[in-house]
Amino acid sequence: VSVYQGATELLNTARGRFRQLALATGKGRARTLQLLRRFSLDSFFGNIVCGDDPHPGKPHPAGLFALCQTLGEPAEPTVMLGDSTIDIECARRASITAFAAGWGFSSLDALYGVGPDAVFESPSAFTAWMRAAPHLRRPISLDQWAGAAPERTGTHG
């Protein structure tokens, strides 16, 4: 297990661009915390919802709503970056902006097929997008500890 190249830079940039970061994962809490600590990523997230928490699993939006409530943020301006089609479906069910991380679980074709708001093919593409978007000051929920950017060449949406 390793961290995707550019993921730590993405998280550092996101921490400066968004009010809060949170993590929604299907992994169990013990394994999630172990991995976050191992790679020194635990300090990035204000809250974490895991697959063994008492919420229905994704694509049910209950975990995302719980994150927003715990962080004191409304769901409407929240952005979710997910690496699977289930993440995108979860964001849609929560009426949350759905960004797809094209370097993770689902293939790019599968991600484009579910119609996210944007597809980012690499952590560096999402980092570049965040740096170029001066209006960003809202919460974001990240899955897979990293980011997303639109279009097959980097930014579509």
Protein backbone atom coordinates (compact mmCIF):
# COMPACT_ATOMS: atom_id res chain seq x y z
CA VAL A 1 0.00 0.00 0.00
CA SER A 2 1.29 3.45 -0.89
CA VAL A 3 0.02 6.99 -1.33
CA TYR A 4 -0.64 8.09 -4.91
CA GLN A 5 2.04 10.36 -6.32
CA GLY A 6 0.89 13.95 -5.78
CA ALA A 7 -1.75 13.07 -3.16
CA THR A 8 0.01 14.76 -0.25
CA GLU A 9 0.48 17.94 -2.28
CA LEU A 10 -3.19 17.75 -3.24
CA LEU A 11 -4.23 17.50 0.42
CA ASN A 12 -1.94 20.37 1.43
CA THR A 13 -3.45 22.52 -1.31
CA ALA A 14 -7.00 21.46 -0.43
CA ARG A 15 -6.42 22.30 3.24
CA GLY A 16 -5.56 25.84 2.19
CA ARG A 17 -8.37 26.19 -0.33
CA PHE A 18 -11.36 24.68 1.49
CA ARG A 19 -12.70 25.39 4.97
CA GLN A 20 -12.68 21.75 6.01
CA LEU A 21 -11.71 18.33 4.73
CA ALA A 22 -13.43 15.08 5.64
CA LEU A 23 -13.10 11.47 4.58
CA ALA A 24 -15.87 9.02 3.67
CA THR A 25 -14.57 5.53 3.02
CA GLY A 26 -15.94 2.03 2.81
CA LYS A 27 -12.91 0.69 4.66
CA GLY A 28 -13.20 -0.23 8.34
CA ARG A 29 -12.21 2.40 10.92
CA ALA A 30 -9.24 0.50 12.39
CA ARG A 31 -7.63 -0.03 8.96
CA THR A 32 -8.41 3.52 7.83
CA LEU A 33 -6.83 5.08 10.91
CA GLN A 34 -3.84 2.74 10.62
CA LEU A 35 -3.22 3.82 7.02
CA LEU A 36 -3.77 7.52 7.70
CA ARG A 37 -1.28 7.42 10.59
CA ARG A 38 1.23 5.32 8.66
CA PHE A 39 1.36 7.92 5.89
CA SER A 40 0.95 10.96 8.19
CA LEU A 41 -2.37 11.91 6.61
CA ASP A 42 -4.58 11.82 9.71
CA SER A 43 -4.17 15.53 10.46
CA PHE A 44 -5.84 16.54 7.18
CA PHE A 45 -9.35 15.39 8.07
CA GLY A 46 -11.75 17.05 10.50
CA ASN A 47 -13.94 13.96 10.56
CA ILE A 48 -14.04 10.49 9.07
CA VAL A 49 -16.95 8.17 8.26
CA CYS A 50 -15.96 4.54 7.74
CA GLY A 51 -17.63 1.46 6.34
CA ASP A 52 -18.16 -0.06 9.77
CA ASP A 53 -19.76 3.06 11.25
CA PRO A 54 -23.50 2.86 12.07
CA HIS A 55 -24.61 4.36 8.74
CA PRO A 56 -25.83 2.53 5.66
CA GLY A 57 -22.92 2.04 3.23
CA LYS A 58 -22.37 4.05 0.09
CA PRO A 59 -24.10 4.81 -2.17
CA HIS A 60 -26.56 5.69 0.59
CA PRO A 61 -25.84 9.36 1.49
CA ALA A 62 -26.24 9.00 5.28
CA GLY A 63 -22.49 9.00 5.87
CA LEU A 64 -22.04 12.22 3.88
CA PHE A 65 -24.89 13.87 5.74
CA ALA A 66 -23.30 12.79 9.05
CA LEU A 67 -19.97 14.34 8.00
CA CYS A 68 -21.63 17.62 7.07
CA GLN A 69 -23.62 17.71 10.31
CA THR A 70 -20.58 16.94 12.48
CA LEU A 71 -18.55 19.63 10.73
CA GLY A 72 -21.41 22.12 10.90
CA GLU A 73 -21.57 22.47 7.12
CA PRO A 74 -24.63 22.30 4.85
CA ALA A 75 -24.59 19.54 2.23
CA GLU A 76 -25.42 21.89 -0.65
CA PRO A 77 -22.03 23.61 -1.09
CA THR A 78 -20.02 20.48 -0.30
CA VAL A 79 -17.88 18.80 -2.94
CA MET A 80 -17.06 15.09 -2.91
CA LEU A 81 -14.03 13.70 -4.68
CA GLY A 82 -14.45 9.96 -5.16
CA ASP A 83 -12.58 7.26 -7.01
CA SER A 84 -15.49 4.92 -7.70
CA THR A 85 -18.82 5.01 -9.47
CA ILE A 86 -20.44 4.29 -6.10
CA ASP A 87 -18.88 7.47 -4.70
CA ILE A 88 -20.34 9.50 -7.55
CA GLU A 89 -23.76 7.93 -7.02
CA CYS A 90 -23.51 8.67 -3.30
CA ALA A 91 -22.72 12.33 -3.96
CA ARG A 92 -25.64 12.57 -6.40
CA ARG A 93 -28.05 11.08 -3.84
CA ALA A 94 -26.84 13.67 -1.32
CA SER A 95 -27.17 16.52 -3.86
CA ILE A 96 -23.44 17.16 -3.46
CA THR A 97 -21.14 18.18 -6.30
CA ALA A 98 -19.50 14.99 -7.57
CA PHE A 99 -15.87 15.08 -8.67
CA ALA A 100 -14.25 11.86 -9.88
CA ALA A 101 -10.66 10.87 -9.08
CA GLY A 102 -9.56 8.98 -12.16
CA TRP A 103 -6.53 7.35 -10.56
CA GLY A 104 -8.28 5.08 -8.09
CA PHE A 105 -10.74 2.20 -7.98
CA SER A 106 -12.97 2.68 -11.06
CA SER A 107 -11.73 3.06 -14.62
CA LEU A 108 -11.92 6.44 -16.34
CA ASP A 109 -14.55 5.09 -18.75
CA ALA A 110 -16.71 3.91 -15.85
CA LEU A 111 -16.35 7.27 -14.07
CA TYR A 112 -17.24 9.26 -17.20
CA GLY A 113 -20.17 6.89 -17.71
CA VAL A 114 -21.87 7.90 -14.45
CA GLY A 115 -21.70 11.62 -15.27
CA PRO A 116 -19.75 13.32 -12.48
CA ASP A 117 -19.52 17.10 -12.47
CA ALA A 118 -15.82 16.77 -13.28
CA VAL A 119 -13.24 14.04 -13.79
CA PHE A 120 -9.64 14.58 -12.73
CA GLU A 121 -7.20 12.10 -14.17
CA SER A 122 -4.43 12.67 -11.64
CA PRO A 123 -3.85 14.26 -8.24
CA SER A 124 -1.74 16.94 -9.95
CA ALA A 125 -4.66 17.82 -12.26
CA PHE A 126 -6.93 18.44 -9.27
CA THR A 127 -4.21 20.40 -7.47
CA ALA A 128 -3.75 22.61 -10.54
CA TRP A 129 -7.52 23.14 -10.75
CA MET A 130 -7.72 24.15 -7.08
CA ARG A 131 -4.86 26.63 -7.50
CA ALA A 132 -6.54 28.18 -10.55
CA ALA A 133 -9.98 28.51 -8.91
CA PRO A 134 -9.85 31.60 -6.66
CA HIS A 135 -13.48 31.22 -5.52
CA LEU A 136 -12.86 28.03 -3.52
CA ARG A 137 -13.66 28.48 0.17
CA ARG A 138 -16.22 25.78 0.86
CA PRO A 139 -15.97 22.34 2.43
CA ILE A 140 -14.92 19.30 0.48
CA SER A 141 -15.29 15.62 1.27
CA LEU A 142 -12.44 13.53 -0.06
CA ASP A 143 -12.37 9.82 -0.62
CA GLN A 144 -9.19 7.84 -1.33
CA TRP A 145 -7.11 10.61 0.32
CA ALA A 146 -6.73 12.56 -2.90
CA GLY A 147 -8.26 14.76 -5.64
CA ALA A 148 -10.06 15.11 -9.10
CA ALA A 149 -9.94 17.32 -12.44
CA PRO A 150 -12.40 17.62 -15.41
CA GLU A 151 -12.16 16.15 -18.95
CA ARG A 152 -10.06 13.28 -20.27
CA THR A 153 -7.14 15.59 -20.76
CA GLY A 154 -7.42 17.06 -17.29
CA THR A 155 -10.53 19.17 -16.80
CA HIS A 156 -14.05 18.50 -18.05
CA GLY A 157 -17.24 19.38 -16.36
